[in-house]
Amino acid sequence: MAYDVVVIGSGPGGYVCAIKAAQLGLKVAVVEKRSTYGGTCLNIGCIPSKALLHASEMFAHVAHGVEELGVEVPAPTLNLSKMMAHKDATVKSNTDGVAFLFKKNKIDGFIGTGKIVSAGKVSVTGEDGKVQEIETKNIVIATGSDIAGIPGVNVEIDEKVIVSSTGGLTLDKVPANMIVVGGGVIGMELGSVWSRLGAKVTVIEYLDKLLGSMDADASKQFQRMMAKQGMDIRTEAKVTGVEKTEAGAKVTYEPVKGGEAVSLEADVVLISTGRKPYTAGLGLEEAGVALDNRGRVEIDGGYKTNVAGIYAIGDVVKGPMLAHKAEDEGVALAEILSGQHGHVNYDVIPSVVYTQPEVASVGRTEEELKAAGIAYKVGKFPFTANGRARAMLATDGFVKILADKETDRVLGGHIVSFGAGDMIHEIAVLMEFSGSSEDLGRTCHAHPTLSEAVKEAALATFAKPIHM
């Protein structure tokens, strides 16, 4: 049977592209090497990590956060196996949901390793070694990304003592000590899970701040909060060695600015130094598909590779490695393949760090605006001045809005707070319609809500806040 579209990979980009293409009337097949759909995100990434983040937050909240509210309970007892069962059930529910959507939309699924034989032909090798070929008008590469490791350092990840994010989601006991190599989103999220459950967590980060390119104000506030929660954070530190020991593992690092090497030991070391495009075994070289100098599939503005009929989306191409970015690209490409005009606004892609408090961002940072020479103005509002936050004992953090100095058009928004990941979207919607800080500041917000802090930050951008 010949298809209109064959998608290799069923992560957020792949499965969304497949579903949208099927909804638009195309005959679609998906090739997935795992036994379940959903890719890294649903199986060993976004979804299981959020299940553990929420469960560990509840554990920590009961242990430390309810007595001041007049709720007196005995110290909670951790049942880690039950917490892991909740995580696994959450994963199954989501992956089963994707399988249901494929069936509903009459999408054919092929379980096995996909390889591009040529433009118009994909081979699938099953676990039994049998190979079948699928003919198609269009091929979509949506194979996602893999762990990147530490540049220049040989690290043997066994997923028990020295672990990636995959092993960090499946530990069978809480380590007494954990070292997190890399202070980005994945490292801080998983580090916070095990810190809340009782581990002493040390974070070693090469840069001078956490969360990479995140707005410096947000990063600084976030680091203070994580330190207050008990994490030992060491920035400007270059890891030079990671090795197993009889008792666990040892990490050696040197100060980036020079100085003596330091060695630390821990029960578990989490390697979270970023991800790289997954292109191994896809047959790209044989098919003539070009890659850039970072190993990403090269595409044009319509997700086309240099080979006719072959496209690519998600983590395997340029841009932020975010599930929702991949999803939007999947929709846009499906529309293009069906003759429409799909488009993604890359200036309005939110990013969220799901710690507690959360950190959320959309658009430009102050550092980016300065580097671009754009004149801007800043409005900030702290949650210490928000009535709902006081009632919830959730006064850590702030909202920060950046707007063009001349036009007042909002160019970026940054929130550090409880629920920041949900609040960021009103700024995203405003930016999608090229709105101004005055538009947002003059929009009536329900009282009392945390979102009033967004309105107040907008007021602070074009005029003055009321409650500060």
Protein backbone atom coordinates (compact mmCIF):
# COMPACT_ATOMS: atom_id res chain seq x y z
CA MET A 1 0.00 0.00 0.00
CA ALA A 2 1.32 3.46 -0.88
CA TYR A 3 0.91 6.35 1.56
CA ASP A 4 0.75 10.09 1.20
CA VAL A 5 2.90 10.55 4.31
CA VAL A 6 5.12 8.25 6.37
CA VAL A 7 6.30 9.76 9.65
CA ILE A 8 9.40 8.24 11.28
CA GLY A 9 9.04 8.78 15.02
CA SER A 10 5.90 9.12 17.14
CA GLY A 11 6.97 11.75 19.65
CA PRO A 12 5.01 15.01 20.00
CA GLY A 13 6.15 16.27 16.61
CA GLY A 14 5.60 12.99 14.79
CA TYR A 15 2.27 11.94 16.23
CA VAL A 16 0.76 15.43 15.95
CA CYS A 17 1.94 15.71 12.34
CA ALA A 18 0.43 12.30 11.57
CA ILE A 19 -2.92 13.09 13.19
CA LYS A 20 -3.22 16.52 11.53
CA ALA A 21 -2.29 15.07 8.14
CA ALA A 22 -4.92 12.35 8.55
CA GLN A 23 -7.52 14.94 9.58
CA LEU A 24 -6.73 16.80 6.36
CA GLY A 25 -7.50 13.71 4.29
CA LEU A 26 -4.04 12.23 3.69
CA LYS A 27 -3.22 8.52 3.98
CA VAL A 28 -0.71 8.29 6.82
CA ALA A 29 1.59 5.73 8.44
CA VAL A 30 3.88 6.08 11.46
CA VAL A 31 7.06 4.12 12.15
CA GLU A 32 8.08 3.82 15.82
CA LYS A 33 11.02 1.84 17.21
CA ARG A 34 9.55 1.60 20.73
CA SER A 35 6.74 -0.78 21.56
CA THR A 36 4.63 2.21 22.61
CA TYR A 37 3.95 5.52 20.90
CA GLY A 38 4.80 8.97 22.24
CA GLY A 39 8.57 9.12 21.86
CA THR A 40 10.93 10.34 24.55
CA CYS A 41 8.44 12.90 25.88
CA LEU A 42 5.61 10.56 26.78
CA ASN A 43 7.68 7.49 27.64
CA ILE A 44 10.84 8.70 29.39
CA GLY A 45 10.71 12.49 29.43
CA CYS A 46 8.09 15.22 29.88
CA ILE A 47 5.21 13.08 31.15
CA PRO A 48 6.92 10.77 33.69
CA SER A 49 9.02 13.63 35.02
CA LYS A 50 5.92 15.76 35.62
CA ALA A 51 4.26 12.86 37.44
CA LEU A 52 7.26 12.63 39.80
CA LEU A 53 7.52 16.40 40.12
CA HIS A 54 3.90 16.66 41.21
CA ALA A 55 4.09 13.68 43.57
CA SER A 56 7.30 14.91 45.19
CA GLU A 57 5.83 18.41 45.52
CA MET A 58 2.86 16.93 47.40
CA PHE A 59 5.24 15.02 49.68
CA ALA A 60 7.27 18.15 50.43
CA HIS A 61 4.14 20.27 50.88
CA VAL A 62 2.69 17.91 53.46
CA ALA A 63 6.06 17.69 55.20
CA HIS A 64 6.80 21.41 55.35
CA GLY A 65 4.05 23.54 53.87
CA VAL A 66 0.73 22.98 55.61
CA GLU A 67 1.35 23.54 59.32
CA GLU A 68 1.35 27.34 58.91
CA LEU A 69 -2.08 27.00 57.30
CA GLY A 70 -3.42 25.32 60.42
CA VAL A 71 -3.23 21.81 59.02
CA GLU A 72 -1.35 19.61 61.48
CA VAL A 73 -0.46 16.13 60.25
CA PRO A 74 2.19 13.57 61.18
CA ALA A 75 5.37 13.55 59.13
CA PRO A 76 4.59 11.84 55.78
CA THR A 77 6.09 8.47 54.89
CA LEU A 78 7.45 7.97 51.40
CA ASN A 79 6.28 4.93 49.45
CA LEU A 80 8.61 5.26 46.46
CA SER A 81 7.35 2.15 44.68
CA LYS A 82 3.79 3.53 44.79
CA MET A 83 5.00 6.90 43.54
CA MET A 84 6.75 5.14 40.66
CA ALA A 85 3.57 3.17 39.96
CA HIS A 86 1.69 6.48 39.64
CA LYS A 87 4.35 7.65 37.17
CA ASP A 88 4.07 4.44 35.14
CA ALA A 89 0.27 4.60 35.10
CA THR A 90 0.45 8.20 33.87
CA VAL A 91 2.79 7.18 31.06
CA LYS A 92 0.55 4.26 30.03
CA SER A 93 -2.54 6.46 29.97
CA ASN A 94 -0.84 8.94 27.65
CA THR A 95 0.77 6.40 25.30
CA ASP A 96 -2.51 4.46 25.10
CA GLY A 97 -4.18 7.76 24.25
CA VAL A 98 -1.90 8.27 21.25
CA ALA A 99 -2.57 4.71 20.06
CA PHE A 100 -6.32 5.42 20.33
CA LEU A 101 -5.95 8.64 18.31
CA PHE A 102 -4.06 6.77 15.59
CA LYS A 103 -6.85 4.22 15.38
CA LYS A 104 -9.52 6.93 15.42
CA ASN A 105 -7.81 8.76 12.55
CA LYS A 106 -7.12 5.57 10.55
CA ILE A 107 -3.34 5.94 10.83
CA ASP A 108 -1.32 2.75 10.27
CA GLY A 109 1.39 2.06 12.82
CA PHE A 110 4.59 0.09 12.14
CA ILE A 111 6.64 -0.95 15.19
CA GLY A 112 10.31 -1.27 14.29
CA THR A 113 13.38 0.71 13.30
CA GLY A 114 12.72 2.98 10.35
CA LYS A 115 15.30 3.75 7.67
CA ILE A 116 15.04 5.88 4.55
CA VAL A 117 15.88 3.67 1.57
CA SER A 118 15.36 6.49 -0.90
CA ALA A 119 12.94 9.33 -1.52
CA GLY A 120 9.55 7.62 -1.48
CA LYS A 121 10.61 4.46 0.31
CA VAL A 122 11.06 3.57 4.01
CA SER A 123 12.15 0.20 5.42
CA VAL A 124 11.02 -1.05 8.83
CA THR A 125 13.07 -3.65 10.71
CA GLY A 126 11.09 -5.39 13.43
CA GLU A 127 12.40 -6.95 16.63
CA ASP A 128 12.39 -10.33 14.85
CA GLY A 129 14.75 -8.93 12.23
CA LYS A 130 12.18 -9.05 9.44
CA VAL A 131 12.23 -6.10 7.07
CA GLN A 132 9.31 -4.62 5.21
CA GLU A 133 9.29 -1.65 2.85
CA ILE A 134 6.69 1.11 2.70
CA GLU A 135 6.12 3.33 -0.30
CA THR A 136 5.08 6.93 0.21
CA LYS A 137 4.89 10.29 -1.53
CA ASN A 138 6.40 12.12 1.46
CA ILE A 139 8.69 11.15 4.37
CA VAL A 140 8.76 13.12 7.63
CA ILE A 141 11.80 12.72 9.91
CA ALA A 142 10.61 13.24 13.48
CA THR A 143 13.14 11.12 15.37
CA GLY A 144 13.80 13.59 18.18
CA SER A 145 16.95 13.75 20.27
CA ASP A 146 19.20 11.72 22.53
CA ILE A 147 21.36 12.53 25.57
CA ALA A 148 24.47 14.50 24.62
CA GLY A 149 26.95 13.49 27.33
CA ILE A 150 29.78 15.75 28.50
CA PRO A 151 32.01 17.18 25.75
CA GLY A 152 35.56 15.84 26.07
CA VAL A 153 34.75 13.55 28.99
CA ASN A 154 34.25 9.81 28.68
CA VAL A 155 31.22 8.89 30.79
CA GLU A 156 29.83 5.38 31.06
CA ILE A 157 26.14 5.70 31.84
CA ASP A 158 24.77 2.52 33.44
CA GLU A 159 21.38 4.07 34.43
CA LYS A 160 21.87 2.85 38.00
CA VAL A 161 24.75 4.84 39.51
CA ILE A 162 25.69 7.16 36.65
CA VAL A 163 22.36 7.98 35.05
CA SER A 164 20.81 10.06 32.31
CA SER A 165 17.33 11.52 32.64
CA THR A 166 16.02 8.03 31.80
CA GLY A 167 17.66 6.42 34.82
CA GLY A 168 16.89 9.47 36.92
CA LEU A 169 13.20 8.62 36.55
CA THR A 170 13.52 4.99 37.67
CA LEU A 171 15.71 4.94 40.80
CA ASP A 172 14.53 2.27 43.23
CA LYS A 173 15.55 4.22 46.33
CA VAL A 174 16.27 7.80 47.31
CA PRO A 175 20.03 8.39 47.18
CA ALA A 176 21.61 9.99 50.23
CA ASN A 177 23.71 12.15 47.93
CA MET A 178 23.18 13.04 44.28
CA ILE A 179 25.37 15.08 41.96
CA VAL A 180 23.65 16.73 39.00
CA VAL A 181 26.01 17.61 36.15
CA GLY A 182 24.29 20.40 34.26
CA GLY A 183 22.04 23.11 35.69
CA GLY A 184 19.61 23.30 32.80
CA VAL A 185 15.92 22.45 32.77
CA ILE A 186 16.24 18.65 32.97
CA GLY A 187 18.89 18.72 35.68
CA MET A 188 17.03 21.18 37.87
CA GLU A 189 13.69 19.39 37.49
CA LEU A 190 14.99 15.92 38.33
CA GLY A 191 17.37 17.31 40.94
CA SER A 192 14.44 18.98 42.68
CA VAL A 193 12.45 15.72 42.66
CA TRP A 194 15.13 13.79 44.54
CA SER A 195 15.98 16.78 46.75
CA ARG A 196 12.37 16.98 47.94
CA LEU A 197 12.34 13.25 48.63
CA GLY A 198 15.40 13.53 50.89
CA ALA A 199 18.58 13.47 48.79
CA LYS A 200 21.36 15.98 49.33
CA VAL A 201 21.72 17.39 45.82
CA THR A 202 24.77 19.19 44.42
CA VAL A 203 24.46 20.87 41.02
CA ILE A 204 27.59 21.48 38.94
CA GLU A 205 27.08 23.96 36.08
CA TYR A 206 29.65 25.19 33.54
CA LEU A 207 28.01 28.57 32.96
CA ASP A 208 27.87 31.43 35.48
CA LYS A 209 24.14 30.90 36.01
CA LEU A 210 21.48 28.21 35.94
CA LEU A 211 18.96 27.59 33.13
CA GLY A 212 21.23 28.52 30.24
CA SER A 213 19.77 31.33 28.13
CA MET A 214 16.90 32.10 30.51
CA ASP A 215 16.46 35.77 31.47
CA ALA A 216 19.20 36.66 33.96
CA ASP A 217 16.77 38.16 36.52
CA ALA A 218 14.70 34.98 36.49
CA SER A 219 17.78 32.78 36.70
CA LYS A 220 19.18 34.72 39.66
CA GLN A 221 15.90 34.51 41.59
CA PHE A 222 15.55 30.82 40.70
CA GLN A 223 19.03 30.01 41.97
CA ARG A 224 18.32 31.72 45.30
CA MET A 225 15.13 29.69 45.67
CA MET A 226 16.83 26.38 44.86
CA ALA A 227 19.62 27.14 47.33
CA LYS A 228 17.02 28.00 49.96
CA GLN A 229 15.43 24.60 49.34
CA GLY A 230 18.74 22.92 50.18
CA MET A 231 20.51 22.45 46.87
CA ASP A 232 24.27 23.04 46.77
CA ILE A 233 24.77 24.95 43.50
CA ARG A 234 28.24 25.37 42.01
CA THR A 235 28.41 27.48 38.85
CA GLU A 236 31.38 28.25 36.59
CA ALA A 237 32.60 24.70 37.15
CA LYS A 238 33.99 22.49 34.36
CA VAL A 239 33.55 18.76 34.90
CA THR A 240 36.69 16.86 33.89
CA GLY A 241 35.85 13.36 35.09
CA VAL A 242 33.00 11.09 36.15
CA GLU A 243 33.77 7.58 37.34
CA LYS A 244 32.21 4.80 39.36
CA THR A 245 33.62 3.89 42.77
CA GLU A 246 32.97 1.08 45.23
CA ALA A 247 30.57 3.32 47.15
CA GLY A 248 28.94 5.03 44.17
CA ALA A 249 30.55 7.56 41.85
CA LYS A 250 33.02 10.44 41.87
CA VAL A 251 32.86 13.70 39.92
CA THR A 252 35.89 15.91 39.40
CA TYR A 253 35.59 19.52 38.30
CA GLU A 254 37.76 22.60 37.89
CA PRO A 255 36.77 26.27 38.26
CA VAL A 256 36.25 27.73 34.79
CA LYS A 257 38.30 30.79 35.73
CA GLY A 258 41.17 28.67 37.00
CA GLY A 259 42.01 26.99 40.29
CA GLU A 260 42.49 23.63 41.90
CA ALA A 261 40.41 20.62 40.92
CA VAL A 262 37.67 19.48 43.29
CA SER A 263 36.38 15.92 43.67
CA LEU A 264 32.96 15.05 45.06
CA GLU A 265 31.44 11.63 45.76
CA ALA A 266 27.78 10.64 45.60
CA ASP A 267 25.51 7.61 45.48
CA VAL A 268 24.10 8.71 42.12
CA VAL A 269 25.35 11.07 39.42
CA LEU A 270 22.81 12.50 36.98
CA ILE A 271 24.24 13.61 33.62
CA SER A 272 21.98 16.35 32.24
CA THR A 273 24.20 18.35 29.90
CA GLY A 274 21.77 18.71 27.04
CA ARG A 275 20.56 16.66 24.09
CA LYS A 276 21.63 16.07 20.50
CA PRO A 277 19.62 15.25 17.34
CA TYR A 278 18.92 11.54 16.87
CA THR A 279 19.85 10.59 13.32
CA ALA A 280 21.77 7.31 13.77
CA GLY A 281 20.78 4.49 11.42
CA LEU A 282 18.24 6.56 9.50
CA GLY A 283 20.03 6.20 6.20
CA LEU A 284 20.36 9.96 5.78
CA GLU A 285 23.83 9.83 4.28
CA GLU A 286 22.85 7.16 1.77
CA ALA A 287 19.73 9.12 0.83
CA GLY A 288 21.78 12.31 0.45
CA VAL A 289 20.01 14.27 3.20
CA ALA A 290 22.23 17.13 4.37
CA LEU A 291 23.05 17.81 8.03
CA ASP A 292 24.39 21.06 9.50
CA ASN A 293 27.55 21.42 11.61
CA ARG A 294 25.61 20.47 14.76
CA GLY A 295 24.27 17.23 13.33
CA ARG A 296 20.77 18.61 12.69
CA VAL A 297 18.83 17.92 9.53
CA GLU A 298 18.98 21.00 7.31
CA ILE A 299 15.59 22.34 6.25
CA ASP A 300 14.14 25.36 4.50
CA GLY A 301 11.24 27.50 5.71
CA GLY A 302 8.77 24.77 4.73
CA TYR A 303 10.62 21.95 6.59
CA LYS A 304 11.95 20.53 3.29
CA THR A 305 15.36 18.88 3.27
CA ASN A 306 17.61 19.08 0.23
CA VAL A 307 16.05 15.83 -1.04
CA ALA A 308 12.63 16.17 -2.68
CA GLY A 309 9.84 14.50 -0.72
CA ILE A 310 11.79 14.32 2.58
CA TYR A 311 10.96 16.70 5.44
CA ALA A 312 12.04 17.07 9.08
CA ILE A 313 10.63 18.61 12.27
CA GLY A 314 11.21 18.78 16.03
CA ASP A 315 14.40 18.18 17.99
CA VAL A 316 16.16 16.84 14.89
CA VAL A 317 16.11 20.31 13.26
CA LYS A 318 17.14 23.81 14.32
CA GLY A 319 15.38 25.67 17.14
CA PRO A 320 14.59 24.96 20.78
CA MET A 321 14.21 21.31 21.74
CA LEU A 322 10.69 21.64 23.11
CA ALA A 323 7.77 19.25 22.65
CA HIS A 324 5.29 22.04 21.87
CA LYS A 325 7.62 23.54 19.26
CA ALA A 326 7.72 20.12 17.59
CA GLU A 327 3.92 19.85 17.78
CA ASP A 328 3.40 23.23 16.10
CA GLU A 329 5.88 22.26 13.39
CA GLY A 330 4.00 18.99 12.92
CA VAL A 331 0.73 20.84 12.35
CA ALA A 332 2.35 23.37 10.01
CA LEU A 333 4.02 20.65 7.93
CA ALA A 334 0.80 18.61 7.68
CA GLU A 335 -0.96 21.71 6.39
CA ILE A 336 1.81 22.33 3.85
CA LEU A 337 1.66 18.71 2.63
CA SER A 338 -2.08 19.05 2.11
CA GLY A 339 -1.71 22.21 0.05
CA GLN A 340 -2.31 24.78 2.78
CA HIS A 341 0.06 27.39 4.20
CA GLY A 342 1.30 26.17 7.58
CA HIS A 343 3.29 28.56 9.73
CA VAL A 344 4.99 28.66 13.16
CA ASN A 345 5.73 31.92 14.95
CA TYR A 346 9.11 31.14 16.50
CA ASP A 347 9.11 34.46 18.38
CA VAL A 348 6.25 33.24 20.59
CA ILE A 349 7.21 29.81 21.92
CA PRO A 350 6.89 29.56 25.71
CA SER A 351 9.35 27.59 27.81
CA VAL A 352 8.72 26.34 31.35
CA VAL A 353 10.85 24.87 34.14
CA TYR A 354 8.51 22.69 36.21
CA THR A 355 10.22 23.04 39.55
CA GLN A 356 8.47 24.64 42.52
CA PRO A 357 8.22 27.57 42.07
CA GLU A 358 8.06 27.31 38.27
CA VAL A 359 9.97 29.50 35.84
CA ALA A 360 8.26 30.46 32.57
CA SER A 361 9.40 32.58 29.66
CA VAL A 362 8.21 33.71 26.24
CA GLY A 363 9.87 35.97 23.70
CA ARG A 364 13.05 37.95 24.22
CA THR A 365 15.17 38.32 27.35
CA GLU A 366 16.74 41.60 28.43
CA GLU A 367 20.12 40.25 27.40
CA GLU A 368 18.87 39.47 23.88
CA LEU A 369 17.26 42.92 23.50
CA LYS A 370 20.47 44.63 24.59
CA ALA A 371 22.54 42.52 22.19
CA ALA A 372 20.15 43.41 19.35
CA GLY A 373 20.31 47.12 20.17
CA ILE A 374 16.55 47.36 20.71
CA ALA A 375 15.35 50.15 23.00
CA TYR A 376 12.97 48.66 25.56
CA LYS A 377 11.23 49.28 28.85
CA VAL A 378 10.70 46.94 31.80
CA GLY A 379 7.76 46.39 34.10
CA LYS A 380 8.10 44.14 37.16
CA PHE A 381 5.75 43.12 39.92
CA PRO A 382 6.58 40.86 42.89
CA PHE A 383 4.20 38.20 44.21
CA THR A 384 4.83 39.51 47.73
CA ALA A 385 2.33 42.24 46.76
CA ASN A 386 -0.30 39.85 45.38
CA GLY A 387 -3.19 39.04 47.69
CA ARG A 388 -3.84 35.52 46.40
CA ALA A 389 -0.15 34.65 46.66
CA ARG A 390 -0.13 35.76 50.29
CA ALA A 391 -3.17 33.61 51.03
CA MET A 392 -1.44 30.61 49.43
CA LEU A 393 1.96 31.25 51.06
CA ALA A 394 3.32 31.43 47.52
CA THR A 395 4.92 34.88 47.50
CA ASP A 396 8.28 33.87 45.98
CA GLY A 397 8.94 35.29 42.54
CA PHE A 398 7.83 38.02 40.17
CA VAL A 399 6.42 38.86 36.74
CA LYS A 400 8.60 40.79 34.32
CA ILE A 401 7.39 42.26 31.03
CA LEU A 402 9.60 43.75 28.31
CA ALA A 403 8.11 46.12 25.74
CA ASP A 404 9.42 48.18 22.84
CA LYS A 405 10.23 51.65 24.15
CA GLU A 406 8.59 53.45 21.23
CA THR A 407 5.61 51.29 20.27
CA ASP A 408 4.90 49.59 23.63
CA ARG A 409 4.60 46.24 21.79
CA VAL A 410 5.40 43.43 24.23
CA LEU A 411 8.61 41.64 23.23
CA GLY A 412 9.01 39.23 26.12
CA GLY A 413 7.60 37.99 29.40
CA HIS A 414 9.22 36.15 32.30
CA ILE A 415 7.53 34.72 35.38
CA VAL A 416 8.96 33.02 38.46
CA SER A 417 6.19 31.74 40.71
CA PHE A 418 3.76 29.02 41.64
CA GLY A 419 1.77 28.32 38.47
CA ALA A 420 4.06 30.33 36.18
CA GLY A 421 3.72 27.75 33.41
CA ASP A 422 0.00 28.46 33.12
CA MET A 423 0.20 32.23 33.56
CA ILE A 424 2.76 32.72 30.80
CA HIS A 425 0.17 31.99 28.13
CA GLU A 426 -1.75 35.23 28.43
CA ILE A 427 1.49 37.02 27.57
CA ALA A 428 2.01 34.57 24.68
CA VAL A 429 -1.49 35.24 23.31
CA LEU A 430 -0.95 38.99 23.65
CA MET A 431 2.33 38.73 21.73
CA GLU A 432 0.74 36.56 19.02
CA PHE A 433 -1.57 39.48 18.27
CA SER A 434 1.26 42.07 18.58
CA GLY A 435 -0.33 43.50 21.70
CA SER A 436 1.05 46.26 23.90
CA SER A 437 1.67 46.35 27.63
CA GLU A 438 -1.17 48.87 27.84
CA ASP A 439 -3.53 46.37 26.18
CA LEU A 440 -2.66 43.87 28.88
CA GLY A 441 -2.66 46.34 31.75
CA ARG A 442 -6.13 47.62 30.80
CA THR A 443 -7.61 44.10 30.55
CA CYS A 444 -9.76 43.31 33.60
CA HIS A 445 -8.36 40.41 35.64
CA ALA A 446 -10.38 38.50 38.22
CA HIS A 447 -9.60 39.24 41.87
CA PRO A 448 -8.02 37.63 43.78
CA THR A 449 -5.84 35.66 41.36
CA LEU A 450 -2.14 35.15 40.82
CA SER A 451 -2.67 36.43 37.27
CA GLU A 452 -3.29 39.91 38.66
CA ALA A 453 0.49 40.10 39.03
CA VAL A 454 0.73 39.86 35.24
CA LYS A 455 -1.63 42.81 34.89
CA GLU A 456 0.34 44.79 37.49
CA ALA A 457 3.62 44.10 35.68
CA ALA A 458 1.98 45.37 32.49
CA LEU A 459 0.83 48.50 34.33
CA ALA A 460 4.39 48.94 35.57
CA THR A 461 5.61 48.79 31.97
CA PHE A 462 3.53 51.61 30.48
CA ALA A 463 2.47 53.54 33.61
CA LYS A 464 2.61 52.57 37.29
CA PRO A 465 1.32 49.51 39.17
CA ILE A 466 -1.58 50.07 41.57
CA HIS A 467 -0.59 47.71 44.37
CA MET A 468 3.06 48.63 44.82
